C-alpha atoms as a PDB file:
ATOM      1  CA  UNK A   1     126.215  87.051  86.588  1.00  0.00           C
ATOM      2  CA  UNK A   2     125.672  87.821  90.252  1.00  0.00           C
ATOM      3  CA  UNK A   3     124.714  90.696  92.493  1.00  0.00           C
ATOM      4  CA  UNK A   4     121.352  92.397  92.379  1.00  0.00           C
ATOM      5  CA  UNK A   5     118.636  92.595  89.785  1.00  0.00           C
ATOM      6  CA  UNK A   6     117.284  96.139  89.683  1.00  0.00           C
ATOM      7  CA  UNK A   7     113.559  96.794  89.384  1.00  0.00           C
ATOM      8  CA  UNK A   8     112.746 100.429  88.670  1.00  0.00           C
ATOM      9  CA  UNK A   9     109.290 101.938  88.728  1.00  0.00           C
ATOM     10  CA  UNK A  10     107.711 105.404  88.884  1.00  0.00           C
ATOM     11  CA  UNK A  11     107.164 107.578  91.946  1.00  0.00           C
ATOM     12  CA  UNK A  12     103.982 108.986  90.400  1.00  0.00           C
ATOM     13  CA  UNK A  13     102.278 105.580  90.784  1.00  0.00           C
ATOM     14  CA  UNK A  14     100.675 104.443  94.034  1.00  0.00           C
ATOM     15  CA  UNK A  15     102.645 102.071  96.254  1.00  0.00           C
ATOM     16  CA  UNK A  16     100.468  99.160  95.175  1.00  0.00           C
ATOM     17  CA  UNK A  17     100.897 100.005  91.505  1.00  0.00           C
ATOM     18  CA  UNK A  18     104.664 100.324  91.949  1.00  0.00           C
ATOM     19  CA  UNK A  19     104.864  96.833  93.448  1.00  0.00           C
ATOM     20  CA  UNK A  20     102.696  95.225  90.774  1.00  0.00           C
ATOM     21  CA  UNK A  21     104.411  96.979  87.876  1.00  0.00           C
ATOM     22  CA  UNK A  22     107.832  95.939  89.206  1.00  0.00           C
ATOM     23  CA  UNK A  23     106.600  92.333  89.371  1.00  0.00           C
ATOM     24  CA  UNK A  24     105.500  92.574  85.736  1.00  0.00           C
ATOM     25  CA  UNK A  25     108.954  93.848  84.736  1.00  0.00           C
ATOM     26  CA  UNK A  26     110.631  90.998  86.625  1.00  0.00           C
ATOM     27  CA  UNK A  27     108.480  88.461  84.797  1.00  0.00           C
ATOM     28  CA  UNK A  28     109.320  90.098  81.461  1.00  0.00           C
ATOM     29  CA  UNK A  29     113.029  89.806  82.317  1.00  0.00           C
ATOM     30  CA  UNK A  30     112.604  86.123  83.196  1.00  0.00           C
ATOM     31  CA  UNK A  31     110.981  85.446  79.810  1.00  0.00           C
ATOM     32  CA  UNK A  32     113.242  87.645  77.661  1.00  0.00           C
ATOM     33  CA  UNK A  33     116.550  86.659  79.296  1.00  0.00           C
ATOM     34  CA  UNK A  34     116.082  83.165  80.749  1.00  0.00           C
ATOM     35  CA  UNK A  35     119.791  82.326  80.992  1.00  0.00           C
ATOM     36  CA  UNK A  36     120.668  85.605  82.692  1.00  0.00           C
ATOM     37  CA  UNK A  37     117.660  85.264  85.017  1.00  0.00           C
ATOM     38  CA  UNK A  38     118.675  81.726  85.998  1.00  0.00           C
ATOM     39  CA  UNK A  39     122.294  82.760  86.638  1.00  0.00           C
ATOM     40  CA  UNK A  40     121.152  85.700  88.787  1.00  0.00           C
ATOM     41  CA  UNK A  41     118.712  83.518  90.725  1.00  0.00           C
ATOM     42  CA  UNK A  42     121.242  80.746  91.313  1.00  0.00           C
ATOM     43  CA  UNK A  43     124.039  83.056  92.497  1.00  0.00           C
ATOM     44  CA  UNK A  44     122.251  85.889  94.280  1.00  0.00           C
ATOM     45  CA  UNK A  45     118.472  86.314  93.883  1.00  0.00           C
ATOM     46  CA  UNK A  46     118.822  89.757  95.475  1.00  0.00           C
ATOM     47  CA  UNK A  47     116.442  92.462  94.249  1.00  0.00           C
ATOM     48  CA  UNK A  48     116.581  96.226  94.586  1.00  0.00           C
ATOM     49  CA  UNK A  49     113.329  98.148  94.068  1.00  0.00           C
ATOM     50  CA  UNK A  50     114.138 101.667  92.935  1.00  0.00           C
ATOM     51  CA  UNK A  51     112.168 104.645  91.692  1.00  0.00           C
ATOM     52  CA  UNK A  52     112.343 107.483  89.177  1.00  0.00           C
ATOM     53  CA  UNK A  53     109.953 110.452  89.268  1.00  0.00           C
ATOM     54  CA  UNK A  54     107.830 109.772  86.188  1.00  0.00           C
ATOM     55  CA  UNK A  55     107.409 108.101  82.798  1.00  0.00           C
ATOM     56  CA  UNK A  56     109.861 110.369  80.918  1.00  0.00           C
ATOM     57  CA  UNK A  57     112.518 109.593  83.535  1.00  0.00           C
ATOM     58  CA  UNK A  58     111.854 105.874  83.181  1.00  0.00           C
ATOM     59  CA  UNK A  59     112.076 106.121  79.383  1.00  0.00           C
ATOM     60  CA  UNK A  60     115.463 107.880  79.614  1.00  0.00           C
ATOM     61  CA  UNK A  61     116.716 105.185  81.976  1.00  0.00           C
ATOM     62  CA  UNK A  62     115.466 102.453  79.641  1.00  0.00           C
ATOM     63  CA  UNK A  63     117.374 103.867  76.669  1.00  0.00           C
ATOM     64  CA  UNK A  64     120.543 104.308  78.730  1.00  0.00           C
ATOM     65  CA  UNK A  65     120.301 100.767  80.139  1.00  0.00           C
ATOM     66  CA  UNK A  66     119.489  99.198  76.776  1.00  0.00           C
ATOM     67  CA  UNK A  67     122.776 100.455  75.335  1.00  0.00           C
ATOM     68  CA  UNK A  68     124.674  98.612  78.076  1.00  0.00           C
ATOM     69  CA  UNK A  69     122.990  95.216  78.319  1.00  0.00           C
ATOM     70  CA  UNK A  70     119.849  93.283  79.119  1.00  0.00           C
ATOM     71  CA  UNK A  71     116.892  95.271  80.324  1.00  0.00           C
ATOM     72  CA  UNK A  72     113.178  94.524  80.142  1.00  0.00           C
ATOM     73  CA  UNK A  73     110.406  97.065  80.101  1.00  0.00           C
ATOM     74  CA  UNK A  74     106.786  96.713  81.108  1.00  0.00           C
ATOM     75  CA  UNK A  75     104.018  98.791  79.594  1.00  0.00           C
ATOM     76  CA  UNK A  76     100.661  98.680  81.359  1.00  0.00           C
ATOM     77  CA  UNK A  77      97.748  98.046  78.976  1.00  0.00           C
ATOM     78  CA  UNK A  78      95.269  99.430  81.521  1.00  0.00           C
ATOM     79  CA  UNK A  79      97.142 102.753  81.499  1.00  0.00           C
ATOM     80  CA  UNK A  80      97.269 103.253  77.729  1.00  0.00           C
ATOM     81  CA  UNK A  81     100.511 101.244  77.406  1.00  0.00           C
ATOM     82  CA  UNK A  82     102.430 103.686  79.596  1.00  0.00           C
ATOM     83  CA  UNK A  83     105.940 102.603  80.514  1.00  0.00           C
ATOM     84  CA  UNK A  84     105.602 101.704  84.195  1.00  0.00           C
ATOM     85  CA  UNK A  85     108.620  99.591  85.181  1.00  0.00           C
ATOM     86  CA  UNK A  86     111.985  98.183  84.146  1.00  0.00           C
ATOM     87  CA  UNK A  87     114.044  95.182  85.176  1.00  0.00           C
ATOM     88  CA  UNK A  88     117.764  95.785  84.720  1.00  0.00           C
ATOM     89  CA  UNK A  89     120.328  93.007  84.961  1.00  0.00           C
ATOM     90  CA  UNK A  90     123.107  93.008  87.572  1.00  0.00           C
ATOM     91  CA  UNK A  91     125.554  94.680  85.177  1.00  0.00           C
ATOM     92  CA  UNK A  92     123.351  97.794  85.504  1.00  0.00           C
ATOM     93  CA  UNK A  93     124.563  98.908  88.924  1.00  0.00           C
ATOM     94  CA  UNK A  94     126.226 102.009  87.503  1.00  0.00           C
ATOM     95  CA  UNK A  95     123.058 102.975  85.602  1.00  0.00           C
ATOM     96  CA  UNK A  96     120.912 102.976  88.757  1.00  0.00           C
ATOM     97  CA  UNK A  97     123.514 103.991  91.357  1.00  0.00           C
ATOM     98  CA  UNK A  98     121.876 107.319  92.234  1.00  0.00           C
ATOM     99  CA  UNK A  99     118.249 106.208  92.273  1.00  0.00           C
ATOM    100  CA  UNK A 100     116.387 106.144  95.593  1.00  0.00           C
ATOM    101  CA  UNK A 101     114.620 103.100  96.980  1.00  0.00           C
ATOM    102  CA  UNK A 102     110.944 102.780  96.090  1.00  0.00           C
ATOM    103  CA  UNK A 103     108.329 102.595  98.858  1.00  0.00           C
ATOM    104  CA  UNK A 104     110.822 104.087 101.318  1.00  0.00           C
ATOM    105  CA  UNK A 105     108.396 106.386 103.076  1.00  0.00           C
END
């Protein structure tokens, strides 16, 4: 495993919420996939922070990514367990290829 780890959050969240939710998803990935996380960290440790418009878009991406490999989701308890961010392993480049960078403005 090498290349980037992809963190994807929602454009309808504030910039601060996007950053925090992405951090939660990264931590979930580290716990759920410790071997993959270690391999990524040892060979690359490069992150890409990307964005989708809203929760339905994030849910569609989660289901697409889950069929292809390791992906972790984060649901925010303070927002009624809304899906707020994903961490997608380096194999997921094709799944996120067309997504824009988060916090780009």
